[in-house]
Amino acid sequence: MKLLALLLVCLAVSGCLVEVVTACRGHDQPCEGANGSQGNCCGGMHCQKNDPSWAQGRCYYNPGRK
């Protein structure tokens, strides 16, 4: 019974870690959000879409913005 409880705790913790790792997207990764906004890109990057009507864009650094 203790082994089952330990297994469930390990699964819950690993599920939380996966969620943290996928929380933001890195450079040149697909993103979702408004064009020019941070969306789900990591800090300092913006979701760039060639066509604002697209559902997804790419995460890029934008040195022109502060």
PDB file of N, CA and C in Angstrom:
ATOM      1  N   MET A   1       0.825  -1.188   0.000  1.00  0.00           N
ATOM      2  CA  MET A   1       0.000   0.000   0.000  1.00  0.00           C
ATOM      3  C   MET A   1       0.871   1.254   0.000  1.00  0.00           C
ATOM      4  N   LYS A   2       1.965   1.217   0.774  1.00  0.00           N
ATOM      5  CA  LYS A   2       2.863   2.369   0.802  1.00  0.00           C
ATOM      6  C   LYS A   2       3.506   2.576  -0.565  1.00  0.00           C
ATOM      7  N   LEU A   3       3.811   1.479  -1.242  1.00  0.00           N
ATOM      8  CA  LEU A   3       4.419   1.563  -2.568  1.00  0.00           C
ATOM      9  C   LEU A   3       3.461   2.215  -3.564  1.00  0.00           C
ATOM     10  N   LEU A   4       2.197   1.872  -3.480  1.00  0.00           N
ATOM     11  CA  LEU A   4       1.191   2.468  -4.353  1.00  0.00           C
ATOM     12  C   LEU A   4       1.063   3.964  -4.083  1.00  0.00           C
ATOM     13  N   ALA A   5       1.048   4.351  -2.822  1.00  0.00           N
ATOM     14  CA  ALA A   5       0.959   5.763  -2.463  1.00  0.00           C
ATOM     15  C   ALA A   5       2.185   6.522  -2.968  1.00  0.00           C
ATOM     16  N   LEU A   6       3.364   5.937  -2.824  1.00  0.00           N
ATOM     17  CA  LEU A   6       4.587   6.572  -3.304  1.00  0.00           C
ATOM     18  C   LEU A   6       4.562   6.721  -4.818  1.00  0.00           C
ATOM     19  N   LEU A   7       4.075   5.716  -5.513  1.00  0.00           N
ATOM     20  CA  LEU A   7       3.973   5.770  -6.965  1.00  0.00           C
ATOM     21  C   LEU A   7       3.031   6.884  -7.406  1.00  0.00           C
ATOM     22  N   LEU A   8       1.903   7.024  -6.736  1.00  0.00           N
ATOM     23  CA  LEU A   8       0.951   8.080  -7.072  1.00  0.00           C
ATOM     24  C   LEU A   8       1.533   9.467  -6.821  1.00  0.00           C
ATOM     25  N   VAL A   9       2.271   9.623  -5.740  1.00  0.00           N
ATOM     26  CA  VAL A   9       2.912  10.908  -5.449  1.00  0.00           C
ATOM     27  C   VAL A   9       3.947  11.231  -6.523  1.00  0.00           C
ATOM     28  N   CYS A  10       4.741  10.248  -6.913  1.00  0.00           N
ATOM     29  CA  CYS A  10       5.755  10.460  -7.956  1.00  0.00           C
ATOM     30  C   CYS A  10       5.114  10.853  -9.281  1.00  0.00           C
ATOM     31  N   LEU A  11       4.019  10.208  -9.635  1.00  0.00           N
ATOM     32  CA  LEU A  11       3.318  10.553 -10.867  1.00  0.00           C
ATOM     33  C   LEU A  11       2.762  11.972 -10.814  1.00  0.00           C
ATOM     34  N   ALA A  12       2.220  12.368  -9.678  1.00  0.00           N
ATOM     35  CA  ALA A  12       1.678  13.716  -9.533  1.00  0.00           C
ATOM     36  C   ALA A  12       2.779  14.763  -9.657  1.00  0.00           C
ATOM     37  N   VAL A  13       3.918  14.520  -9.023  1.00  0.00           N
ATOM     38  CA  VAL A  13       5.037  15.468  -9.081  1.00  0.00           C
ATOM     39  C   VAL A  13       5.579  15.556 -10.499  1.00  0.00           C
ATOM     40  N   SER A  14       5.744  14.423 -11.172  1.00  0.00           N
ATOM     41  CA  SER A  14       6.269  14.451 -12.538  1.00  0.00           C
ATOM     42  C   SER A  14       5.296  15.156 -13.474  1.00  0.00           C
ATOM     43  N   GLY A  15       4.002  15.008 -13.246  1.00  0.00           N
ATOM     44  CA  GLY A  15       3.014  15.723 -14.046  1.00  0.00           C
ATOM     45  C   GLY A  15       3.117  17.220 -13.863  1.00  0.00           C
ATOM     46  N   CYS A  16       3.378  17.665 -12.648  1.00  0.00           N
ATOM     47  CA  CYS A  16       3.556  19.094 -12.385  1.00  0.00           C
ATOM     48  C   CYS A  16       4.821  19.616 -13.054  1.00  0.00           C
ATOM     49  N   LEU A  17       5.884  18.844 -13.029  1.00  0.00           N
ATOM     50  CA  LEU A  17       7.135  19.269 -13.654  1.00  0.00           C
ATOM     51  C   LEU A  17       6.985  19.393 -15.160  1.00  0.00           C
ATOM     52  N   VAL A  18       6.266  18.490 -15.779  1.00  0.00           N
ATOM     53  CA  VAL A  18       6.045  18.571 -17.221  1.00  0.00           C
ATOM     54  C   VAL A  18       5.274  19.838 -17.546  1.00  0.00           C
ATOM     55  N   GLU A  19       4.316  20.189 -16.726  1.00  0.00           N
ATOM     56  CA  GLU A  19       3.529  21.395 -16.946  1.00  0.00           C
ATOM     57  C   GLU A  19       4.401  22.638 -16.836  1.00  0.00           C
ATOM     58  N   VAL A  20       5.330  22.672 -15.897  1.00  0.00           N
ATOM     59  CA  VAL A  20       6.231  23.816 -15.730  1.00  0.00           C
ATOM     60  C   VAL A  20       7.159  23.931 -16.925  1.00  0.00           C
ATOM     61  N   VAL A  21       7.679  22.820 -17.397  1.00  0.00           N
ATOM     62  CA  VAL A  21       8.619  22.841 -18.518  1.00  0.00           C
ATOM     63  C   VAL A  21       7.945  23.344 -19.783  1.00  0.00           C
ATOM     64  N   THR A  22       6.699  23.007 -20.003  1.00  0.00           N
ATOM     65  CA  THR A  22       6.012  23.410 -21.219  1.00  0.00           C
ATOM     66  C   THR A  22       5.245  24.720 -21.055  1.00  0.00           C
ATOM     67  N   ALA A  23       5.444  25.416 -19.961  1.00  0.00           N
ATOM     68  CA  ALA A  23       4.682  26.629 -19.700  1.00  0.00           C
ATOM     69  C   ALA A  23       4.986  27.735 -20.700  1.00  0.00           C
ATOM     70  N   CYS A  24       6.228  27.887 -21.134  1.00  0.00           N
ATOM     71  CA  CYS A  24       6.554  28.920 -22.112  1.00  0.00           C
ATOM     72  C   CYS A  24       7.392  28.323 -23.234  1.00  0.00           C
ATOM     73  N   ARG A  25       7.341  28.980 -24.377  1.00  0.00           N
ATOM     74  CA  ARG A  25       8.031  28.489 -25.560  1.00  0.00           C
ATOM     75  C   ARG A  25       9.294  29.309 -25.801  1.00  0.00           C
ATOM     76  N   GLY A  26      10.347  28.655 -26.286  1.00  0.00           N
ATOM     77  CA  GLY A  26      11.633  29.295 -26.537  1.00  0.00           C
ATOM     78  C   GLY A  26      11.722  29.917 -27.921  1.00  0.00           C
ATOM     79  N   HIS A  27      12.910  30.425 -28.236  1.00  0.00           N
ATOM     80  CA  HIS A  27      13.161  31.116 -29.504  1.00  0.00           C
ATOM     81  C   HIS A  27      12.832  30.224 -30.706  1.00  0.00           C
ATOM     82  N   ASP A  28      12.111  30.781 -31.657  1.00  0.00           N
ATOM     83  CA  ASP A  28      11.727  30.131 -32.913  1.00  0.00           C
ATOM     84  C   ASP A  28      10.841  28.902 -32.695  1.00  0.00           C
ATOM     85  N   GLN A  29      10.121  28.879 -31.576  1.00  0.00           N
ATOM     86  CA  GLN A  29       9.168  27.802 -31.303  1.00  0.00           C
ATOM     87  C   GLN A  29       7.757  28.310 -31.611  1.00  0.00           C
ATOM     88  N   PRO A  30       6.821  27.423 -31.949  1.00  0.00           N
ATOM     89  CA  PRO A  30       5.451  27.865 -32.208  1.00  0.00           C
ATOM     90  C   PRO A  30       4.817  28.481 -30.961  1.00  0.00           C
ATOM     91  N   CYS A  31       4.031  29.523 -31.160  1.00  0.00           N
ATOM     92  CA  CYS A  31       3.385  30.197 -30.027  1.00  0.00           C
ATOM     93  C   CYS A  31       1.931  30.471 -30.358  1.00  0.00           C
ATOM     94  N   GLU A  32       1.178  30.753 -29.318  1.00  0.00           N
ATOM     95  CA  GLU A  32      -0.212  31.163 -29.453  1.00  0.00           C
ATOM     96  C   GLU A  32      -0.393  32.441 -28.657  1.00  0.00           C
ATOM     97  N   GLY A  33      -1.117  33.374 -29.220  1.00  0.00           N
ATOM     98  CA  GLY A  33      -1.350  34.660 -28.579  1.00  0.00           C
ATOM     99  C   GLY A  33      -1.496  35.725 -29.646  1.00  0.00           C
ATOM    100  N   ALA A  34      -1.848  36.922 -29.239  1.00  0.00           N
ATOM    101  CA  ALA A  34      -2.010  38.017 -30.191  1.00  0.00           C
ATOM    102  C   ALA A  34      -0.668  38.366 -30.826  1.00  0.00           C
ATOM    103  N   ASN A  35      -0.705  38.802 -32.084  1.00  0.00           N
ATOM    104  CA  ASN A  35       0.506  39.191 -32.795  1.00  0.00           C
ATOM    105  C   ASN A  35       1.216  40.323 -32.050  1.00  0.00           C
ATOM    106  N   GLY A  36       2.481  40.139 -31.736  1.00  0.00           N
ATOM    107  CA  GLY A  36       3.262  41.152 -31.029  1.00  0.00           C
ATOM    108  C   GLY A  36       3.201  41.041 -29.514  1.00  0.00           C
ATOM    109  N   SER A  37       2.285  40.214 -28.989  1.00  0.00           N
ATOM    110  CA  SER A  37       2.203  40.038 -27.537  1.00  0.00           C
ATOM    111  C   SER A  37       3.186  38.960 -27.103  1.00  0.00           C
ATOM    112  N   GLN A  38       3.359  38.813 -25.797  1.00  0.00           N
ATOM    113  CA  GLN A  38       4.232  37.750 -25.310  1.00  0.00           C
ATOM    114  C   GLN A  38       3.586  36.390 -25.551  1.00  0.00           C
ATOM    115  N   GLY A  39       2.270  36.317 -25.525  1.00  0.00           N
ATOM    116  CA  GLY A  39       1.582  35.038 -25.727  1.00  0.00           C
ATOM    117  C   GLY A  39       2.117  33.998 -24.763  1.00  0.00           C
ATOM    118  N   ASN A  40       2.440  32.821 -25.261  1.00  0.00           N
ATOM    119  CA  ASN A  40       3.016  31.788 -24.402  1.00  0.00           C
ATOM    120  C   ASN A  40       4.515  31.641 -24.642  1.00  0.00           C
ATOM    121  N   CYS A  41       5.160  32.723 -25.132  1.00  0.00           N
ATOM    122  CA  CYS A  41       6.618  32.747 -25.302  1.00  0.00           C
ATOM    123  C   CYS A  41       7.278  33.068 -23.964  1.00  0.00           C
ATOM    124  N   CYS A  42       8.504  32.610 -23.787  1.00  0.00           N
ATOM    125  CA  CYS A  42       9.252  32.917 -22.570  1.00  0.00           C
ATOM    126  C   CYS A  42       9.558  34.410 -22.510  1.00  0.00           C
ATOM    127  N   GLY A  43       9.914  34.900 -21.331  1.00  0.00           N
ATOM    128  CA  GLY A  43      10.157  36.312 -21.096  1.00  0.00           C
ATOM    129  C   GLY A  43      11.108  36.946 -22.092  1.00  0.00           C
ATOM    130  N   GLY A  44      10.785  38.149 -22.539  1.00  0.00           N
ATOM    131  CA  GLY A  44      11.629  38.881 -23.474  1.00  0.00           C
ATOM    132  C   GLY A  44      11.341  38.567 -24.929  1.00  0.00           C
ATOM    133  N   MET A  45      10.474  37.605 -25.196  1.00  0.00           N
ATOM    134  CA  MET A  45      10.147  37.261 -26.578  1.00  0.00           C
ATOM    135  C   MET A  45       8.691  37.589 -26.863  1.00  0.00           C
ATOM    136  N   HIS A  46       8.395  37.741 -28.143  1.00  0.00           N
ATOM    137  CA  HIS A  46       7.045  38.078 -28.578  1.00  0.00           C
ATOM    138  C   HIS A  46       6.588  37.085 -29.627  1.00  0.00           C
ATOM    139  N   CYS A  47       5.289  36.862 -29.673  1.00  0.00           N
ATOM    140  CA  CYS A  47       4.690  35.962 -30.656  1.00  0.00           C
ATOM    141  C   CYS A  47       4.507  36.746 -31.953  1.00  0.00           C
ATOM    142  N   GLN A  48       5.255  36.382 -32.982  1.00  0.00           N
ATOM    143  CA  GLN A  48       5.204  37.093 -34.257  1.00  0.00           C
ATOM    144  C   GLN A  48       4.464  36.248 -35.280  1.00  0.00           C
ATOM    145  N   LYS A  49       3.479  36.866 -35.931  1.00  0.00           N
ATOM    146  CA  LYS A  49       2.698  36.178 -36.964  1.00  0.00           C
ATOM    147  C   LYS A  49       2.813  36.972 -38.259  1.00  0.00           C
ATOM    148  N   ASN A  50       3.107  36.296 -39.354  1.00  0.00           N
ATOM    149  CA  ASN A  50       3.144  36.978 -40.647  1.00  0.00           C
ATOM    150  C   ASN A  50       1.751  37.421 -41.061  1.00  0.00           C
ATOM    151  N   ASP A  51       0.746  36.696 -40.624  1.00  0.00           N
ATOM    152  CA  ASP A  51      -0.647  37.046 -40.867  1.00  0.00           C
ATOM    153  C   ASP A  51      -1.351  37.014 -39.511  1.00  0.00           C
ATOM    154  N   PRO A  52      -1.800  38.174 -38.998  1.00  0.00           N
ATOM    155  CA  PRO A  52      -2.409  38.210 -37.661  1.00  0.00           C
ATOM    156  C   PRO A  52      -3.616  37.289 -37.487  1.00  0.00           C
ATOM    157  N   SER A  53      -4.232  36.831 -38.577  1.00  0.00           N
ATOM    158  CA  SER A  53      -5.390  35.940 -38.452  1.00  0.00           C
ATOM    159  C   SER A  53      -4.978  34.499 -38.153  1.00  0.00           C
ATOM    160  N   TRP A  54      -3.698  34.184 -38.271  1.00  0.00           N
ATOM    161  CA  TRP A  54      -3.229  32.824 -37.996  1.00  0.00           C
ATOM    162  C   TRP A  54      -3.377  32.498 -36.515  1.00  0.00           C
ATOM    163  N   ALA A  55      -3.644  31.237 -36.215  1.00  0.00           N
ATOM    164  CA  ALA A  55      -3.773  30.804 -34.820  1.00  0.00           C
ATOM    165  C   ALA A  55      -2.413  30.742 -34.141  1.00  0.00           C
ATOM    166  N   GLN A  56      -1.365  30.377 -34.888  1.00  0.00           N
ATOM    167  CA  GLN A  56      -0.028  30.245 -34.306  1.00  0.00           C
ATOM    168  C   GLN A  56       0.970  31.149 -35.012  1.00  0.00           C
ATOM    169  N   GLY A  57       1.981  31.552 -34.246  1.00  0.00           N
ATOM    170  CA  GLY A  57       3.095  32.311 -34.785  1.00  0.00           C
ATOM    171  C   GLY A  57       4.385  31.677 -34.307  1.00  0.00           C
ATOM    172  N   ARG A  58       5.469  32.463 -34.263  1.00  0.00           N
ATOM    173  CA  ARG A  58       6.760  31.980 -33.783  1.00  0.00           C
ATOM    174  C   ARG A  58       7.278  32.958 -32.740  1.00  0.00           C
ATOM    175  N   CYS A  59       7.996  32.427 -31.741  1.00  0.00           N
ATOM    176  CA  CYS A  59       8.567  33.255 -30.676  1.00  0.00           C
ATOM    177  C   CYS A  59       9.892  33.847 -31.146  1.00  0.00           C
ATOM    178  N   TYR A  60       9.992  35.171 -31.081  1.00  0.00           N
ATOM    179  CA  TYR A  60      11.224  35.858 -31.459  1.00  0.00           C
ATOM    180  C   TYR A  60      11.506  36.981 -30.473  1.00  0.00           C
ATOM    181  N   TYR A  61      12.793  37.282 -30.318  1.00  0.00           N
ATOM    182  CA  TYR A  61      13.185  38.465 -29.566  1.00  0.00           C
ATOM    183  C   TYR A  61      12.927  39.666 -30.447  1.00  0.00           C
ATOM    184  N   ASN A  62      12.482  40.743 -29.860  1.00  0.00           N
ATOM    185  CA  ASN A  62      12.225  41.963 -30.613  1.00  0.00           C
ATOM    186  C   ASN A  62      13.057  43.072 -29.991  1.00  0.00           C
ATOM    187  N   PRO A  63      14.285  43.308 -30.497  1.00  0.00           N
ATOM    188  CA  PRO A  63      15.159  44.299 -29.874  1.00  0.00           C
ATOM    189  C   PRO A  63      14.637  45.727 -29.967  1.00  0.00           C
ATOM    190  N   GLY A  64      13.659  45.977 -30.834  1.00  0.00           N
ATOM    191  CA  GLY A  64      13.123  47.325 -30.957  1.00  0.00           C
ATOM    192  C   GLY A  64      12.208  47.717 -29.811  1.00  0.00           C
ATOM    193  N   ARG A  65      11.731  46.758 -29.040  1.00  0.00           N
ATOM    194  CA  ARG A  65      10.836  47.055 -27.914  1.00  0.00           C
ATOM    195  C   ARG A  65      11.600  46.969 -26.613  1.00  0.00           C
ATOM    196  N   LYS A  66      11.216  47.781 -25.658  1.00  0.00           N
ATOM    197  CA  LYS A  66      11.841  47.741 -24.331  1.00  0.00           C
ATOM    198  C   LYS A  66      10.802  47.349 -23.319  1.00  0.00           C
TER     199      LYS A  66
END
